[in-house]
Protein backbone atom coordinates (compact mmCIF):
# COMPACT_ATOMS: atom_id res chain seq x y z
CA UNK A 1 40.71 179.19 114.52
CA UNK A 2 37.00 180.30 115.30
CA UNK A 3 35.90 179.70 119.25
CA UNK A 4 32.23 179.02 118.30
CA UNK A 5 30.81 176.00 119.72
CA UNK A 6 30.11 172.66 117.66
CA UNK A 7 28.18 169.59 118.86
CA UNK A 8 29.69 168.38 122.28
CA UNK A 9 28.00 164.93 122.41
CA UNK A 10 30.56 162.43 122.13
CA UNK A 11 28.34 159.32 120.93
CA UNK A 12 24.98 158.95 119.32
CA UNK A 13 23.13 155.76 118.08
CA UNK A 14 20.70 155.09 115.52
CA UNK A 15 18.88 152.07 114.23
CA UNK A 16 21.93 150.71 112.44
CA UNK A 17 24.90 153.02 113.55
CA UNK A 18 27.00 153.95 116.50
CA UNK A 19 28.77 157.55 116.03
CA UNK A 20 31.45 157.40 118.45
CA UNK A 21 35.09 158.68 119.00
CA UNK A 22 37.85 157.17 117.09
CA UNK A 23 40.08 154.44 118.71
CA UNK A 24 43.23 152.55 117.65
CA UNK A 25 41.31 149.53 116.11
CA UNK A 26 39.92 152.25 113.47
CA UNK A 27 43.30 153.06 111.87
CA UNK A 28 43.21 150.62 108.94
CA UNK A 29 39.80 151.90 108.22
CA UNK A 30 40.81 155.54 108.45
CA UNK A 31 43.71 154.79 106.27
CA UNK A 32 41.42 153.17 103.71
CA UNK A 33 39.19 156.30 103.59
CA UNK A 34 42.21 158.33 102.58
CA UNK A 35 43.87 156.07 100.04
CA UNK A 36 40.78 154.72 98.24
CA UNK A 37 40.44 156.06 94.80
CA UNK A 38 36.53 155.84 94.74
CA UNK A 39 35.98 157.36 98.08
CA UNK A 40 38.62 160.33 97.25
CA UNK A 41 37.73 160.84 93.67
CA UNK A 42 35.95 164.12 94.13
CA UNK A 43 38.39 165.05 97.03
CA UNK A 44 41.72 165.45 95.08
CA UNK A 45 42.40 161.71 94.61
CA UNK A 46 43.90 158.87 96.89
CA UNK A 47 46.57 159.84 99.23
CA UNK A 48 50.05 157.76 99.38
CA UNK A 49 49.27 154.88 101.91
CA UNK A 50 52.82 155.61 103.45
CA UNK A 51 52.17 159.28 103.88
CA UNK A 52 48.93 158.78 105.78
CA UNK A 53 50.35 156.08 107.97
CA UNK A 54 53.21 158.14 108.85
CA UNK A 55 50.78 161.02 109.82
CA UNK A 56 48.90 158.60 112.19
CA UNK A 57 52.17 157.40 113.56
CA UNK A 58 53.23 160.91 114.19
CA UNK A 59 50.02 162.45 115.52
CA UNK A 60 47.98 159.67 116.70
CA UNK A 61 44.30 159.00 116.53
CA UNK A 62 43.02 161.34 119.09
CA UNK A 63 44.70 164.08 117.38
CA UNK A 64 43.39 163.54 114.16
CA UNK A 65 39.69 162.20 114.76
CA UNK A 66 39.28 163.43 118.46
CA UNK A 67 37.93 167.02 118.09
CA UNK A 68 34.45 168.18 119.29
CA UNK A 69 31.77 167.21 116.47
CA UNK A 70 34.23 164.44 114.80
CA UNK A 71 32.75 161.14 114.63
CA UNK A 72 33.62 157.56 113.50
CA UNK A 73 30.47 156.15 111.75
CA UNK A 74 30.56 152.54 112.88
CA UNK A 75 28.03 149.56 112.40
CA UNK A 76 25.79 149.30 115.71
CA UNK A 77 26.22 145.60 115.89
CA UNK A 78 29.89 144.94 115.17
CA UNK A 79 31.60 148.50 115.83
CA UNK A 80 33.24 148.24 112.43
CA UNK A 81 34.26 151.65 111.04
CA UNK A 82 32.14 152.49 107.96
CA UNK A 83 33.03 156.00 107.55
CA UNK A 84 33.60 159.44 109.37
CA UNK A 85 31.39 162.25 109.72
CA UNK A 86 32.48 165.94 111.03
CA UNK A 87 30.10 168.84 112.38
CA UNK A 88 32.76 171.40 112.51
CA UNK A 89 33.19 175.30 111.70
CA UNK A 90 34.17 176.40 108.40
CA UNK A 91 37.35 178.25 108.22
CA UNK A 92 36.72 181.93 107.41
CA UNK A 93 40.01 181.85 105.34
CA UNK A 94 38.55 179.32 102.61
CA UNK A 95 35.90 180.33 100.06
CA UNK A 96 32.16 179.15 100.58
CA UNK A 97 30.33 181.04 103.11
CA UNK A 98 26.75 182.36 103.59
CA UNK A 99 27.73 184.85 106.33
CA UNK A 100 30.10 187.91 106.12
CA UNK A 101 32.56 186.52 109.03
CA UNK A 102 32.47 183.00 108.06
CA UNK A 103 32.94 180.23 110.63
CA UNK A 104 29.37 178.67 110.13
CA UNK A 105 28.76 175.06 110.81
CA UNK A 106 29.81 172.55 108.10
CA UNK A 107 28.95 168.72 107.74
CA UNK A 108 31.30 166.62 106.01
CA UNK A 109 31.40 162.99 105.71
CA UNK A 110 33.23 159.82 103.79
CA UNK A 111 32.06 156.32 103.65
CA UNK A 112 34.01 153.34 102.59
CA UNK A 113 33.02 152.32 99.20
CA UNK A 114 31.52 149.00 100.40
CA UNK A 115 28.91 151.11 102.56
CA UNK A 116 27.66 153.33 99.87
CA UNK A 117 24.08 153.20 98.60
CA UNK A 118 22.56 151.84 101.90
CA UNK A 119 21.60 155.22 102.98
CA UNK A 120 24.18 155.11 106.15
CA UNK A 121 25.12 158.74 105.30
CA UNK A 122 21.81 160.01 105.54
CA UNK A 123 21.25 158.10 108.78
CA UNK A 124 24.51 159.41 110.26
CA UNK A 125 24.09 163.12 109.04
CA UNK A 126 20.41 163.10 110.19
CA UNK A 127 21.28 162.04 113.74
CA UNK A 128 24.31 164.29 114.24
CA UNK A 129 22.19 167.24 112.74
CA UNK A 130 19.33 166.69 115.14
CA UNK A 131 21.44 166.49 118.20
CA UNK A 132 23.15 169.95 117.05
CA UNK A 133 19.73 171.36 116.50
CA UNK A 134 18.76 170.33 120.10
CA UNK A 135 22.10 171.88 121.50
CA UNK A 136 23.12 174.94 119.71
CA UNK A 137 21.71 177.94 119.02
CA UNK A 138 19.95 178.28 115.22
CA UNK A 139 22.63 179.36 112.68
CA UNK A 140 23.38 178.22 109.08
CA UNK A 141 25.00 174.76 108.55
CA UNK A 142 26.92 174.32 105.13
CA UNK A 143 27.35 171.36 102.95
CA UNK A 144 30.31 171.88 100.50
CA UNK A 145 30.89 169.34 97.46
CA UNK A 146 32.44 169.21 94.12
CA UNK A 147 29.66 170.01 91.82
CA UNK A 148 30.71 166.83 89.83
CA UNK A 149 29.86 164.55 92.93
CA UNK A 150 26.27 164.07 92.24
CA UNK A 151 25.51 161.53 94.73
CA UNK A 152 26.87 164.16 97.45
CA UNK A 153 24.53 166.84 96.18
CA UNK A 154 21.48 164.36 95.97
CA UNK A 155 22.29 163.51 99.58
CA UNK A 156 22.42 167.24 100.69
CA UNK A 157 19.21 168.02 99.02
CA UNK A 158 17.65 164.65 100.60
CA UNK A 159 18.76 166.05 104.31
CA UNK A 160 17.21 169.53 103.34
CA UNK A 161 20.17 171.66 102.28
CA UNK A 162 19.65 173.95 99.25
CA UNK A 163 22.39 175.05 96.62
CA UNK A 164 23.22 178.71 97.26
CA UNK A 165 26.42 179.25 95.26
CA UNK A 166 29.17 177.70 93.36
CA UNK A 167 32.89 178.48 93.60
CA UNK A 168 36.16 177.36 92.10
CA UNK A 169 38.51 175.33 94.39
CA UNK A 170 40.91 172.53 94.32
CA UNK A 171 41.00 173.01 90.42
CA UNK A 172 36.93 172.12 90.43
CA UNK A 173 33.49 173.87 90.68
CA UNK A 174 32.25 173.37 94.18
CA UNK A 175 28.53 173.75 95.27
CA UNK A 176 28.01 175.58 98.37
CA UNK A 177 24.50 174.53 99.98
CA UNK A 178 23.05 175.67 103.18
CA UNK A 179 20.14 175.07 105.70
CA UNK A 180 19.19 176.53 109.14
CA UNK A 181 20.21 174.37 111.92
CA UNK A 182 16.90 174.50 113.64
CA UNK A 183 15.20 173.16 110.62
CA UNK A 184 16.66 169.35 111.54
CA UNK A 185 14.82 169.74 114.80
CA UNK A 186 11.68 168.00 113.14
CA UNK A 187 13.88 166.08 110.86
CA UNK A 188 14.76 166.23 107.26
CA UNK A 189 11.98 165.85 104.85
CA UNK A 190 11.18 162.23 103.97
CA UNK A 191 12.07 160.78 100.32
């Protein structure tokens, strides 16, 4: 695994959201993210609930969601889990890179279906990318999504990512989009 740094901030807040570390009360919401057919439509489909529950039971929530750059997206007022967001390093042994050595920063997120369409992923991603741009040296940051996932591609474009390549993975075409991390210092383009 790459020893390159990622975002060290453990909590961020926005107008509507609190991005924080996961805790035990989040387990049901995290299981829902992995078992919901709509959420997992472009991620290989839903996982069996029993398998996901066994994984949490065996490894605990902090082992799964406690790594640097890993956040629960929570409602700022209620602290209810709305989704997850991760800014981590893309493993060099998977396809989809813009540098020869790999290990670029990669933004990923999942929102509960009931939270779609309200701009929450944009708000959360903007906060994390701005924080990373203030903390880390300039470097490429990636967003990879199944090409058929039009909503995710639209969000990546709205954030300021530009498509640079496509490749086949998980039996589907994937779009690789990239941006320079420091382009987020001033914020993404307003749309």
